[in-house]
């Protein structure tokens, strides 16, 4: 039986992953720090705070696997600083808490094009986040780099509905991928019994089961 720490459970990918974890018999408990209270689910311990760092720091329950589905956009966050807080600081805080609690495997959503030396702000922050996690020397670290995510969001992102049809047609790593398919590959990797060190899954490597 496995105890799991999941951050980003209210997001597009996180909601799918949470359902998959609940349904998995091998999972005994899912610890989910969130800003918004979740409905009551079996096996879920939902810890609610405005800033997730306030939850992650005091956590004492041992966990086996950490899943991080945190992510936003600069526009949605409201500023560069707020974006960095979600997509870098809280992700790193999740990883630090997970290591302290004994986890051996960290599975994280990054993004296609993540590069710490990118001239583009979004890609640069994602790349720096990946570097920080790799510097933590996890026994197993899986970085998933999807392209544009498809799915029903609680809050619509302006322009996304217009460009989504185009991204469905693009080749390779640029092709859009459904949030459910990303959650499925995170689930598969998280409970895989093989592999050590850092594994990067590019967008084109994510099996598409939804159009």
N, C-alpha and C. Protein backbone atom coordinates (compact mmCIF):
# COMPACT_ATOMS: atom_id res chain seq x y z
N UNK A 1 0.84 -1.20 0.00
CA UNK A 1 0.00 0.00 0.00
C UNK A 1 0.88 1.25 0.00
N UNK A 2 0.41 2.28 -0.69
CA UNK A 2 1.20 3.50 -0.83
C UNK A 2 0.42 4.70 -0.31
N UNK A 3 1.14 5.59 0.35
CA UNK A 3 0.58 6.88 0.75
C UNK A 3 1.17 7.94 -0.17
N UNK A 4 0.30 8.81 -0.70
CA UNK A 4 0.69 9.73 -1.75
C UNK A 4 0.48 11.18 -1.30
N UNK A 5 1.41 12.06 -1.70
CA UNK A 5 1.23 13.50 -1.55
C UNK A 5 0.95 14.06 -2.93
N UNK A 6 -0.15 14.81 -3.07
CA UNK A 6 -0.55 15.40 -4.35
C UNK A 6 -0.81 16.88 -4.18
N UNK A 7 -0.05 17.71 -4.89
CA UNK A 7 -0.35 19.14 -4.95
C UNK A 7 -0.87 19.49 -6.34
N UNK A 8 -1.76 20.47 -6.39
CA UNK A 8 -2.39 20.83 -7.66
C UNK A 8 -3.61 19.99 -7.96
N UNK A 9 -4.26 19.47 -6.93
CA UNK A 9 -5.38 18.54 -7.12
C UNK A 9 -6.63 19.23 -7.66
N UNK A 10 -6.70 20.56 -7.62
CA UNK A 10 -7.88 21.25 -8.14
C UNK A 10 -7.68 21.72 -9.57
N UNK A 11 -6.51 21.48 -10.14
CA UNK A 11 -6.20 21.93 -11.49
C UNK A 11 -6.69 20.96 -12.56
N UNK A 12 -6.44 21.33 -13.82
CA UNK A 12 -6.95 20.56 -14.95
C UNK A 12 -6.45 19.12 -14.94
N UNK A 13 -5.15 18.92 -14.77
CA UNK A 13 -4.59 17.58 -14.71
C UNK A 13 -4.81 16.96 -13.33
N UNK A 14 -4.63 17.75 -12.30
CA UNK A 14 -4.73 17.25 -10.93
C UNK A 14 -6.06 16.62 -10.60
N UNK A 15 -7.15 17.16 -11.15
CA UNK A 15 -8.47 16.58 -10.88
C UNK A 15 -8.58 15.17 -11.45
N UNK A 16 -8.04 14.98 -12.65
CA UNK A 16 -8.06 13.64 -13.24
C UNK A 16 -7.17 12.68 -12.43
N UNK A 17 -5.99 13.16 -12.06
CA UNK A 17 -5.08 12.30 -11.33
C UNK A 17 -5.65 11.92 -9.97
N UNK A 18 -6.31 12.85 -9.31
CA UNK A 18 -6.92 12.55 -8.01
C UNK A 18 -7.93 11.42 -8.14
N UNK A 19 -8.77 11.47 -9.16
CA UNK A 19 -9.76 10.40 -9.35
C UNK A 19 -9.07 9.06 -9.59
N UNK A 20 -8.01 9.08 -10.38
CA UNK A 20 -7.29 7.83 -10.66
C UNK A 20 -6.65 7.26 -9.40
N UNK A 21 -6.11 8.13 -8.57
CA UNK A 21 -5.49 7.68 -7.32
C UNK A 21 -6.52 7.11 -6.36
N UNK A 22 -7.69 7.74 -6.29
CA UNK A 22 -8.76 7.24 -5.42
C UNK A 22 -9.17 5.83 -5.84
N UNK A 23 -9.21 5.59 -7.15
CA UNK A 23 -9.67 4.30 -7.66
C UNK A 23 -8.60 3.22 -7.60
N UNK A 24 -7.35 3.59 -7.35
CA UNK A 24 -6.27 2.61 -7.35
C UNK A 24 -6.22 1.87 -6.01
N UNK A 25 -6.40 0.56 -6.01
CA UNK A 25 -6.45 -0.19 -4.75
C UNK A 25 -5.16 -0.10 -3.93
N UNK A 26 -4.02 0.08 -4.63
CA UNK A 26 -2.73 0.11 -3.92
C UNK A 26 -2.51 1.39 -3.13
N UNK A 27 -3.36 2.39 -3.32
CA UNK A 27 -3.21 3.67 -2.62
C UNK A 27 -4.05 3.65 -1.35
N UNK A 28 -3.41 3.89 -0.22
CA UNK A 28 -4.12 3.85 1.06
C UNK A 28 -4.59 5.24 1.49
N UNK A 29 -3.81 6.28 1.15
CA UNK A 29 -4.17 7.64 1.55
C UNK A 29 -3.57 8.63 0.55
N UNK A 30 -4.33 9.68 0.27
CA UNK A 30 -3.88 10.75 -0.61
C UNK A 30 -3.94 12.05 0.17
N UNK A 31 -2.79 12.63 0.43
CA UNK A 31 -2.71 13.91 1.15
C UNK A 31 -2.72 15.02 0.11
N UNK A 32 -3.73 15.89 0.16
CA UNK A 32 -3.90 16.91 -0.87
C UNK A 32 -4.04 18.30 -0.26
N UNK A 33 -2.93 19.04 -0.14
CA UNK A 33 -3.03 20.44 0.28
C UNK A 33 -3.62 21.28 -0.86
N UNK A 34 -4.64 22.07 -0.56
CA UNK A 34 -5.28 22.92 -1.57
C UNK A 34 -5.66 24.27 -0.97
N UNK A 35 -5.88 25.23 -1.86
CA UNK A 35 -6.39 26.54 -1.43
C UNK A 35 -7.90 26.50 -1.28
N UNK A 36 -8.56 25.70 -2.11
CA UNK A 36 -10.02 25.56 -2.06
C UNK A 36 -10.38 24.18 -1.56
N UNK A 37 -11.35 24.11 -0.67
CA UNK A 37 -11.73 22.82 -0.09
C UNK A 37 -12.29 21.89 -1.15
N UNK A 38 -11.83 20.65 -1.10
CA UNK A 38 -12.33 19.62 -2.01
C UNK A 38 -13.61 19.00 -1.45
N UNK A 39 -14.43 18.40 -2.31
CA UNK A 39 -15.53 17.58 -1.78
C UNK A 39 -14.95 16.43 -0.96
N UNK A 40 -15.78 15.80 -0.17
CA UNK A 40 -15.34 14.66 0.62
C UNK A 40 -15.16 13.44 -0.29
N UNK A 41 -13.92 12.93 -0.32
CA UNK A 41 -13.61 11.75 -1.12
C UNK A 41 -13.03 10.69 -0.20
N UNK A 42 -13.25 9.41 -0.54
CA UNK A 42 -12.59 8.35 0.23
C UNK A 42 -11.09 8.41 0.05
N UNK A 43 -10.36 8.10 1.11
CA UNK A 43 -8.89 8.00 1.12
C UNK A 43 -8.20 9.36 1.04
N UNK A 44 -8.95 10.47 0.91
CA UNK A 44 -8.34 11.78 0.72
C UNK A 44 -8.30 12.56 2.02
N UNK A 45 -7.11 13.03 2.38
CA UNK A 45 -6.93 13.96 3.50
C UNK A 45 -6.64 15.32 2.90
N UNK A 46 -7.64 16.20 2.94
CA UNK A 46 -7.55 17.52 2.31
C UNK A 46 -7.20 18.59 3.36
N UNK A 47 -6.04 19.21 3.18
CA UNK A 47 -5.56 20.25 4.08
C UNK A 47 -5.66 21.59 3.35
N UNK A 48 -6.45 22.51 3.89
CA UNK A 48 -6.77 23.74 3.17
C UNK A 48 -6.08 24.94 3.81
N UNK A 49 -5.30 25.65 2.99
CA UNK A 49 -4.65 26.89 3.40
C UNK A 49 -4.52 27.79 2.18
N UNK A 50 -4.50 29.09 2.37
CA UNK A 50 -4.35 30.03 1.26
C UNK A 50 -3.01 29.85 0.56
N UNK A 51 -1.95 29.64 1.34
CA UNK A 51 -0.63 29.40 0.76
C UNK A 51 -0.21 27.98 1.11
N UNK A 52 0.05 27.17 0.10
CA UNK A 52 0.35 25.76 0.34
C UNK A 52 1.60 25.55 1.18
N UNK A 53 2.51 26.50 1.15
CA UNK A 53 3.73 26.39 1.96
C UNK A 53 3.39 26.25 3.44
N UNK A 54 2.28 26.90 3.86
CA UNK A 54 1.87 26.84 5.26
C UNK A 54 1.40 25.44 5.66
N UNK A 55 1.01 24.63 4.68
CA UNK A 55 0.63 23.24 4.93
C UNK A 55 1.83 22.31 4.81
N UNK A 56 2.62 22.53 3.75
CA UNK A 56 3.72 21.61 3.45
C UNK A 56 4.78 21.60 4.54
N UNK A 57 5.08 22.75 5.10
CA UNK A 57 6.13 22.84 6.12
C UNK A 57 5.88 21.98 7.34
N UNK A 58 4.69 22.04 7.94
CA UNK A 58 4.43 21.27 9.17
C UNK A 58 4.07 19.80 8.95
N UNK A 59 3.88 19.36 7.71
CA UNK A 59 3.46 17.98 7.48
C UNK A 59 4.42 16.99 8.13
N UNK A 60 3.86 15.95 8.76
CA UNK A 60 4.67 14.94 9.43
C UNK A 60 4.39 13.52 8.93
N UNK A 61 3.31 13.32 8.17
CA UNK A 61 2.93 11.99 7.73
C UNK A 61 3.88 11.48 6.66
N UNK A 62 4.39 10.28 6.81
CA UNK A 62 5.29 9.70 5.82
C UNK A 62 4.53 9.43 4.52
N UNK A 63 5.21 9.65 3.38
CA UNK A 63 4.62 9.37 2.08
C UNK A 63 5.60 8.57 1.23
N UNK A 64 5.08 7.90 0.22
CA UNK A 64 5.90 7.07 -0.66
C UNK A 64 6.17 7.73 -2.01
N UNK A 65 5.16 8.41 -2.55
CA UNK A 65 5.26 9.02 -3.86
C UNK A 65 4.70 10.43 -3.78
N UNK A 66 5.31 11.36 -4.53
CA UNK A 66 4.82 12.74 -4.62
C UNK A 66 4.45 13.04 -6.06
N UNK A 67 3.23 13.56 -6.23
CA UNK A 67 2.79 14.04 -7.54
C UNK A 67 2.55 15.55 -7.43
N UNK A 68 3.11 16.30 -8.38
CA UNK A 68 2.91 17.75 -8.37
C UNK A 68 2.29 18.18 -9.69
N UNK A 69 1.07 18.69 -9.63
CA UNK A 69 0.35 19.15 -10.83
C UNK A 69 0.14 20.66 -10.81
N UNK A 70 0.96 21.37 -10.05
CA UNK A 70 0.82 22.82 -9.94
C UNK A 70 1.21 23.49 -11.25
N UNK A 71 0.47 24.55 -11.59
CA UNK A 71 0.80 25.31 -12.79
C UNK A 71 -0.23 26.38 -13.05
N UNK A 72 0.21 27.51 -13.57
CA UNK A 72 -0.69 28.61 -13.89
C UNK A 72 -0.12 29.34 -15.10
N UNK A 73 -0.65 30.50 -15.39
CA UNK A 73 -0.09 31.37 -16.41
C UNK A 73 0.19 32.72 -15.76
N UNK A 74 1.03 33.52 -16.41
CA UNK A 74 1.34 34.84 -15.87
C UNK A 74 0.07 35.69 -15.75
N UNK A 75 -0.80 35.61 -16.78
CA UNK A 75 -2.03 36.39 -16.74
C UNK A 75 -2.94 35.94 -15.62
N UNK A 76 -3.09 34.63 -15.47
CA UNK A 76 -3.96 34.10 -14.42
C UNK A 76 -3.41 34.40 -13.04
N UNK A 77 -2.08 34.34 -12.89
CA UNK A 77 -1.46 34.61 -11.60
C UNK A 77 -1.54 36.08 -11.23
N UNK A 78 -1.49 36.96 -12.24
CA UNK A 78 -1.60 38.39 -11.97
C UNK A 78 -0.30 39.16 -12.06
N UNK A 79 0.83 38.46 -11.96
CA UNK A 79 2.13 39.12 -12.04
C UNK A 79 3.21 38.07 -12.26
N UNK A 80 4.40 38.53 -12.66
CA UNK A 80 5.51 37.61 -12.80
C UNK A 80 5.85 36.95 -11.47
N UNK A 81 5.83 37.76 -10.41
CA UNK A 81 6.18 37.25 -9.09
C UNK A 81 5.21 36.17 -8.63
N UNK A 82 3.91 36.39 -8.88
CA UNK A 82 2.91 35.40 -8.47
C UNK A 82 3.04 34.12 -9.30
N UNK A 83 3.37 34.28 -10.58
CA UNK A 83 3.59 33.10 -11.43
C UNK A 83 4.76 32.28 -10.92
N UNK A 84 5.87 32.94 -10.60
CA UNK A 84 7.05 32.24 -10.08
C UNK A 84 6.72 31.52 -8.78
N UNK A 85 5.88 32.15 -7.95
CA UNK A 85 5.53 31.53 -6.68
C UNK A 85 4.84 30.18 -6.89
N UNK A 86 3.91 30.12 -7.87
CA UNK A 86 3.17 28.88 -8.12
C UNK A 86 4.02 27.87 -8.87
N UNK A 87 4.64 28.31 -9.98
CA UNK A 87 5.28 27.37 -10.89
C UNK A 87 6.72 27.03 -10.53
N UNK A 88 7.28 27.78 -9.59
CA UNK A 88 8.64 27.44 -9.13
C UNK A 88 8.64 27.18 -7.62
N UNK A 89 8.32 28.19 -6.84
CA UNK A 89 8.47 28.08 -5.39
C UNK A 89 7.63 26.96 -4.79
N UNK A 90 6.34 26.92 -5.14
CA UNK A 90 5.48 25.89 -4.54
C UNK A 90 5.82 24.49 -5.04
N UNK A 91 6.30 24.40 -6.27
CA UNK A 91 6.73 23.09 -6.78
C UNK A 91 7.96 22.60 -6.01
N UNK A 92 8.92 23.49 -5.81
CA UNK A 92 10.12 23.13 -5.06
C UNK A 92 9.76 22.83 -3.60
N UNK A 93 8.85 23.61 -3.03
CA UNK A 93 8.41 23.35 -1.65
C UNK A 93 7.74 21.98 -1.53
N UNK A 94 6.96 21.61 -2.56
CA UNK A 94 6.35 20.28 -2.59
C UNK A 94 7.41 19.20 -2.56
N UNK A 95 8.44 19.38 -3.39
CA UNK A 95 9.51 18.39 -3.47
C UNK A 95 10.29 18.29 -2.16
N UNK A 96 10.60 19.42 -1.56
CA UNK A 96 11.34 19.42 -0.29
C UNK A 96 10.54 18.69 0.79
N UNK A 97 9.24 18.99 0.85
CA UNK A 97 8.39 18.32 1.84
C UNK A 97 8.34 16.82 1.59
N UNK A 98 8.21 16.44 0.32
CA UNK A 98 8.15 15.03 -0.01
C UNK A 98 9.40 14.28 0.37
N UNK A 99 10.56 14.87 0.11
CA UNK A 99 11.82 14.23 0.51
C UNK A 99 11.91 14.08 2.01
N UNK A 100 11.52 15.13 2.72
CA UNK A 100 11.58 15.10 4.18
C UNK A 100 10.67 14.01 4.75
N UNK A 101 9.58 13.73 4.04
CA UNK A 101 8.60 12.73 4.50
C UNK A 101 8.92 11.33 4.00
N UNK A 102 10.05 11.18 3.31
CA UNK A 102 10.53 9.85 2.96
C UNK A 102 10.19 9.35 1.57
N UNK A 103 9.58 10.20 0.72
CA UNK A 103 9.22 9.76 -0.63
C UNK A 103 10.46 9.44 -1.45
N UNK A 104 10.35 8.44 -2.31
CA UNK A 104 11.45 8.02 -3.17
C UNK A 104 11.24 8.40 -4.62
N UNK A 105 10.06 8.88 -4.96
CA UNK A 105 9.76 9.19 -6.36
C UNK A 105 8.92 10.46 -6.42
N UNK A 106 9.35 11.40 -7.27
CA UNK A 106 8.64 12.65 -7.51
C UNK A 106 8.25 12.72 -8.97
N UNK A 107 6.95 12.94 -9.23
CA UNK A 107 6.44 13.06 -10.60
C UNK A 107 5.82 14.45 -10.74
N UNK A 108 6.32 15.21 -11.71
CA UNK A 108 5.98 16.64 -11.81
C UNK A 108 5.56 17.00 -13.24
N UNK A 109 4.55 17.84 -13.36
CA UNK A 109 4.22 18.44 -14.66
C UNK A 109 5.13 19.65 -14.87
N UNK A 110 5.82 19.64 -15.98
CA UNK A 110 6.59 20.79 -16.42
C UNK A 110 5.91 21.33 -17.68
N UNK A 111 6.64 21.58 -18.73
CA UNK A 111 6.03 22.08 -19.96
C UNK A 111 6.96 21.88 -21.14
N UNK A 112 6.38 21.68 -22.30
CA UNK A 112 7.18 21.60 -23.53
C UNK A 112 8.00 22.90 -23.67
N UNK A 113 9.28 22.74 -23.96
CA UNK A 113 10.14 23.90 -24.14
C UNK A 113 10.81 24.39 -22.87
N UNK A 114 10.62 23.69 -21.75
CA UNK A 114 11.26 24.12 -20.50
C UNK A 114 12.77 24.20 -20.68
N UNK A 115 13.32 25.35 -20.34
CA UNK A 115 14.76 25.57 -20.53
C UNK A 115 15.18 26.74 -19.66
N UNK A 116 16.07 26.49 -18.74
CA UNK A 116 16.51 27.54 -17.81
C UNK A 116 17.18 28.71 -18.51
N UNK A 117 17.61 28.52 -19.75
CA UNK A 117 18.29 29.59 -20.50
C UNK A 117 17.42 30.15 -21.61
N UNK A 118 16.13 29.82 -21.59
CA UNK A 118 15.23 30.30 -22.63
C UNK A 118 15.04 31.82 -22.54
N UNK A 119 14.88 32.50 -23.67
CA UNK A 119 14.58 33.93 -23.64
C UNK A 119 13.12 34.20 -23.27
N UNK A 120 12.31 33.13 -23.24
CA UNK A 120 10.89 33.28 -22.92
C UNK A 120 10.66 33.02 -21.43
N UNK A 121 9.98 33.95 -20.79
CA UNK A 121 9.82 33.91 -19.34
C UNK A 121 9.21 32.59 -18.86
N UNK A 122 8.10 32.17 -19.47
CA UNK A 122 7.41 30.94 -19.05
C UNK A 122 8.35 29.74 -19.12
N UNK A 123 8.98 29.56 -20.27
CA UNK A 123 9.87 28.41 -20.45
C UNK A 123 11.08 28.47 -19.53
N UNK A 124 11.57 29.68 -19.27
CA UNK A 124 12.73 29.85 -18.39
C UNK A 124 12.40 29.44 -16.96
N UNK A 125 11.22 29.86 -16.46
CA UNK A 125 10.82 29.50 -15.10
C UNK A 125 10.65 27.99 -14.98
N UNK A 126 10.02 27.37 -15.98
CA UNK A 126 9.85 25.93 -15.97
C UNK A 126 11.21 25.22 -15.96
N UNK A 127 12.15 25.75 -16.76
CA UNK A 127 13.48 25.15 -16.81
C UNK A 127 14.23 25.28 -15.50
N UNK A 128 14.12 26.43 -14.86
CA UNK A 128 14.77 26.62 -13.56
C UNK A 128 14.15 25.72 -12.50
N UNK A 129 12.83 25.52 -12.60
CA UNK A 129 12.17 24.59 -11.68
C UNK A 129 12.74 23.19 -11.86
N UNK A 130 12.88 22.74 -13.12
CA UNK A 130 13.43 21.41 -13.37
C UNK A 130 14.85 21.29 -12.82
N UNK A 131 15.66 22.31 -13.03
CA UNK A 131 17.04 22.29 -12.51
C UNK A 131 17.05 22.15 -11.00
N UNK A 132 16.18 22.92 -10.33
CA UNK A 132 16.13 22.87 -8.86
C UNK A 132 15.77 21.47 -8.38
N UNK A 133 14.81 20.84 -9.03
CA UNK A 133 14.40 19.49 -8.62
C UNK A 133 15.51 18.47 -8.88
N UNK A 134 16.20 18.62 -9.99
CA UNK A 134 17.29 17.69 -10.28
C UNK A 134 18.43 17.85 -9.28
N UNK A 135 18.63 19.06 -8.81
CA UNK A 135 19.69 19.30 -7.81
C UNK A 135 19.37 18.69 -6.46
N UNK A 136 18.09 18.31 -6.24
CA UNK A 136 17.72 17.66 -4.98
C UNK A 136 18.12 16.19 -4.96
N UNK A 137 18.55 15.67 -6.10
CA UNK A 137 19.08 14.29 -6.19
C UNK A 137 18.07 13.25 -5.71
N UNK A 138 16.88 13.30 -6.29
CA UNK A 138 15.87 12.29 -5.98
C UNK A 138 16.31 10.91 -6.49
N UNK A 139 15.99 9.84 -5.76
CA UNK A 139 16.24 8.50 -6.30
C UNK A 139 15.54 8.31 -7.65
N UNK A 140 14.31 8.84 -7.74
CA UNK A 140 13.57 8.82 -9.00
C UNK A 140 12.86 10.16 -9.18
N UNK A 141 13.06 10.78 -10.32
CA UNK A 141 12.41 12.05 -10.64
C UNK A 141 11.88 11.95 -12.07
N UNK A 142 10.58 12.12 -12.22
CA UNK A 142 9.95 12.07 -13.54
C UNK A 142 9.38 13.44 -13.87
N UNK A 143 9.83 14.01 -14.98
CA UNK A 143 9.37 15.31 -15.45
C UNK A 143 8.55 15.11 -16.72
N UNK A 144 7.29 15.53 -16.68
CA UNK A 144 6.39 15.36 -17.82
C UNK A 144 6.21 16.73 -18.47
N UNK A 145 6.48 16.81 -19.78
CA UNK A 145 6.48 18.09 -20.49
C UNK A 145 5.39 18.16 -21.56
N UNK A 146 4.15 18.36 -21.17
CA UNK A 146 3.08 18.42 -22.18
C UNK A 146 3.10 19.74 -22.94
N UNK A 147 2.51 19.69 -24.14
CA UNK A 147 2.23 20.91 -24.89
C UNK A 147 0.92 21.50 -24.35
N UNK A 148 0.20 22.21 -25.17
CA UNK A 148 -1.07 22.81 -24.74
C UNK A 148 -2.00 21.73 -24.20
N UNK A 149 -2.55 21.98 -23.01
CA UNK A 149 -3.44 21.01 -22.37
C UNK A 149 -4.88 21.23 -22.80
N UNK A 150 -5.54 20.14 -23.16
CA UNK A 150 -6.94 20.18 -23.55
C UNK A 150 -7.81 19.66 -22.42
N UNK A 151 -8.96 20.30 -22.22
CA UNK A 151 -9.88 19.86 -21.18
C UNK A 151 -10.71 21.02 -20.68
N UNK A 152 -11.70 20.72 -19.87
CA UNK A 152 -12.61 21.73 -19.34
C UNK A 152 -12.03 22.32 -18.06
N UNK A 153 -11.65 23.58 -18.13
CA UNK A 153 -11.11 24.28 -16.96
C UNK A 153 -12.24 24.95 -16.19
N UNK A 154 -12.04 25.13 -14.87
CA UNK A 154 -13.00 25.88 -14.08
C UNK A 154 -13.01 27.34 -14.51
N UNK A 155 -11.83 27.86 -14.85
CA UNK A 155 -11.70 29.24 -15.32
C UNK A 155 -11.14 29.22 -16.73
N UNK A 156 -11.88 29.78 -17.67
CA UNK A 156 -11.43 29.78 -19.05
C UNK A 156 -10.23 30.70 -19.22
N UNK A 157 -9.25 30.25 -20.03
CA UNK A 157 -8.10 31.06 -20.36
C UNK A 157 -8.33 31.70 -21.72
N UNK A 158 -8.34 33.02 -21.77
CA UNK A 158 -8.65 33.72 -23.01
C UNK A 158 -7.69 33.32 -24.12
N UNK A 159 -8.26 33.07 -25.30
CA UNK A 159 -7.46 32.72 -26.46
C UNK A 159 -7.21 31.24 -26.61
N UNK A 160 -7.31 30.50 -25.51
CA UNK A 160 -7.00 29.07 -25.59
C UNK A 160 -7.99 28.32 -26.48
N UNK A 161 -9.26 28.72 -26.42
CA UNK A 161 -10.26 28.04 -27.25
C UNK A 161 -10.03 28.30 -28.72
N UNK A 162 -9.36 29.41 -29.03
CA UNK A 162 -9.09 29.76 -30.42
C UNK A 162 -7.89 29.00 -30.98
N UNK A 163 -6.86 28.80 -30.14
CA UNK A 163 -5.64 28.17 -30.64
C UNK A 163 -5.66 26.65 -30.47
N UNK A 164 -6.56 26.14 -29.61
CA UNK A 164 -6.59 24.69 -29.37
C UNK A 164 -6.77 23.88 -30.64
N UNK A 165 -7.72 24.27 -31.56
CA UNK A 165 -7.85 23.48 -32.79
C UNK A 165 -6.56 23.42 -33.60
N UNK A 166 -5.79 24.52 -33.61
CA UNK A 166 -4.53 24.53 -34.33
C UNK A 166 -3.53 23.58 -33.69
N UNK A 167 -3.44 23.61 -32.36
CA UNK A 167 -2.47 22.77 -31.65
C UNK A 167 -2.82 21.28 -31.75
N UNK A 168 -4.07 20.96 -32.02
CA UNK A 168 -4.45 19.56 -32.22
C UNK A 168 -3.82 19.00 -33.50
N UNK A 169 -3.50 19.90 -34.44
CA UNK A 169 -3.00 19.48 -35.74
C UNK A 169 -1.49 19.54 -35.86
N UNK A 170 -0.82 20.14 -34.88
CA UNK A 170 0.62 20.31 -34.97
C UNK A 170 1.34 18.98 -34.75
N UNK A 171 2.54 18.85 -35.29
CA UNK A 171 3.27 17.59 -35.15
C UNK A 171 4.11 17.52 -33.89
N UNK A 172 4.55 16.30 -33.56
CA UNK A 172 5.54 16.08 -32.51
C UNK A 172 5.16 16.68 -31.17
N UNK A 173 6.15 17.31 -30.55
CA UNK A 173 5.98 17.83 -29.20
C UNK A 173 5.05 19.04 -29.13
N UNK A 174 4.70 19.62 -30.27
CA UNK A 174 3.82 20.79 -30.27
C UNK A 174 2.35 20.39 -30.21
N UNK A 175 2.04 19.17 -30.55
CA UNK A 175 0.64 18.74 -30.62
C UNK A 175 0.00 18.76 -29.24
N UNK A 176 -1.19 19.34 -29.16
CA UNK A 176 -1.91 19.43 -27.89
C UNK A 176 -2.22 18.04 -27.34
N UNK A 177 -2.37 17.97 -26.03
CA UNK A 177 -2.62 16.69 -25.36
C UNK A 177 -3.68 16.89 -24.29
N UNK A 178 -4.55 15.91 -24.12
CA UNK A 178 -5.62 16.05 -23.13
C UNK A 178 -5.06 15.93 -21.71
N UNK A 179 -5.68 16.67 -20.81
CA UNK A 179 -5.26 16.63 -19.41
C UNK A 179 -5.38 15.23 -18.84
N UNK A 180 -6.40 14.49 -19.28
CA UNK A 180 -6.58 13.13 -18.76
C UNK A 180 -5.43 12.23 -19.19
N UNK A 181 -4.96 12.41 -20.42
CA UNK A 181 -3.84 11.60 -20.89
C UNK A 181 -2.55 11.92 -20.13
N UNK A 182 -2.38 13.19 -19.77
CA UNK A 182 -1.20 13.57 -18.97
C UNK A 182 -1.29 12.94 -17.59
N UNK A 183 -2.49 13.00 -16.99
CA UNK A 183 -2.68 12.37 -15.68
C UNK A 183 -2.40 10.87 -15.75
N UNK A 184 -2.83 10.25 -16.83
CA UNK A 184 -2.63 8.80 -16.97
C UNK A 184 -1.15 8.45 -17.06
N UNK A 185 -0.37 9.24 -17.78
CA UNK A 185 1.06 8.94 -17.89
C UNK A 185 1.77 9.21 -16.56
N UNK A 186 1.32 10.22 -15.82
CA UNK A 186 1.89 10.47 -14.49
C UNK A 186 1.59 9.28 -13.56
N UNK A 187 0.36 8.79 -13.64
CA UNK A 187 -0.04 7.64 -12.83
C UNK A 187 0.81 6.41 -13.18
N UNK A 188 0.95 6.17 -14.46
CA UNK A 188 1.73 5.02 -14.92
C UNK A 188 3.17 5.09 -14.41
N UNK A 189 3.78 6.25 -14.57
CA UNK A 189 5.17 6.41 -14.16
C UNK A 189 5.33 6.35 -12.65
N UNK A 190 4.38 6.94 -11.94
CA UNK A 190 4.48 6.99 -10.49
C UNK A 190 4.50 5.61 -9.86
N UNK A 191 3.76 4.68 -10.45
CA UNK A 191 3.66 3.34 -9.87
C UNK A 191 4.45 2.30 -10.66
N UNK A 192 5.27 2.75 -11.59
CA UNK A 192 6.15 1.83 -12.31
C UNK A 192 7.22 1.32 -11.36
N UNK A 193 7.53 0.06 -11.46
CA UNK A 193 8.53 -0.55 -10.57
C UNK A 193 9.94 -0.50 -11.16
N UNK A 194 10.08 0.10 -12.35
CA UNK A 194 11.39 0.16 -12.99
C UNK A 194 11.86 1.59 -13.15
N UNK A 195 13.19 1.75 -13.20
CA UNK A 195 13.76 3.06 -13.47
C UNK A 195 14.35 3.71 -12.24
N UNK A 196 15.44 4.43 -12.47
CA UNK A 196 16.09 5.20 -11.43
C UNK A 196 16.57 6.52 -12.04
N UNK A 197 16.86 7.49 -11.19
CA UNK A 197 17.37 8.75 -11.69
C UNK A 197 16.29 9.61 -12.32
N UNK A 198 16.71 10.45 -13.28
CA UNK A 198 15.81 11.42 -13.90
C UNK A 198 15.25 10.87 -15.21
N UNK A 199 13.94 10.96 -15.36
CA UNK A 199 13.29 10.58 -16.61
C UNK A 199 12.46 11.75 -17.11
N UNK A 200 12.67 12.15 -18.35
CA UNK A 200 11.91 13.24 -18.96
C UNK A 200 11.00 12.66 -20.02
N UNK A 201 9.71 12.96 -19.93
CA UNK A 201 8.73 12.49 -20.90
C UNK A 201 8.26 13.69 -21.71
N UNK A 202 8.66 13.74 -22.97
CA UNK A 202 8.27 14.84 -23.83
C UNK A 202 6.81 14.66 -24.27
N UNK A 203 6.23 15.74 -24.76
CA UNK A 203 4.81 15.73 -25.10
C UNK A 203 4.46 14.66 -26.12
N UNK A 204 5.32 14.48 -27.13
CA UNK A 204 5.05 13.49 -28.17
C UNK A 204 5.05 12.06 -27.64
N UNK A 205 5.66 11.85 -26.47
CA UNK A 205 5.75 10.51 -25.89
C UNK A 205 4.53 10.16 -25.03
N UNK A 206 3.63 11.11 -24.81
CA UNK A 206 2.44 10.87 -24.01
C UNK A 206 1.38 10.20 -24.89
N UNK A 207 0.97 8.97 -24.57
CA UNK A 207 -0.04 8.29 -25.40
C UNK A 207 -1.34 9.09 -25.45
N UNK A 208 -1.85 9.31 -26.64
CA UNK A 208 -3.10 10.03 -26.83
C UNK A 208 -4.26 9.04 -26.91
N UNK A 209 -5.17 9.13 -25.97
CA UNK A 209 -6.37 8.28 -26.03
C UNK A 209 -7.60 9.11 -26.32
N UNK A 210 -7.43 10.45 -26.25
CA UNK A 210 -8.56 11.35 -26.51
C UNK A 210 -8.17 12.29 -27.65
N UNK A 211 -9.14 12.60 -28.49
CA UNK A 211 -8.88 13.48 -29.64
C UNK A 211 -8.72 14.92 -29.17
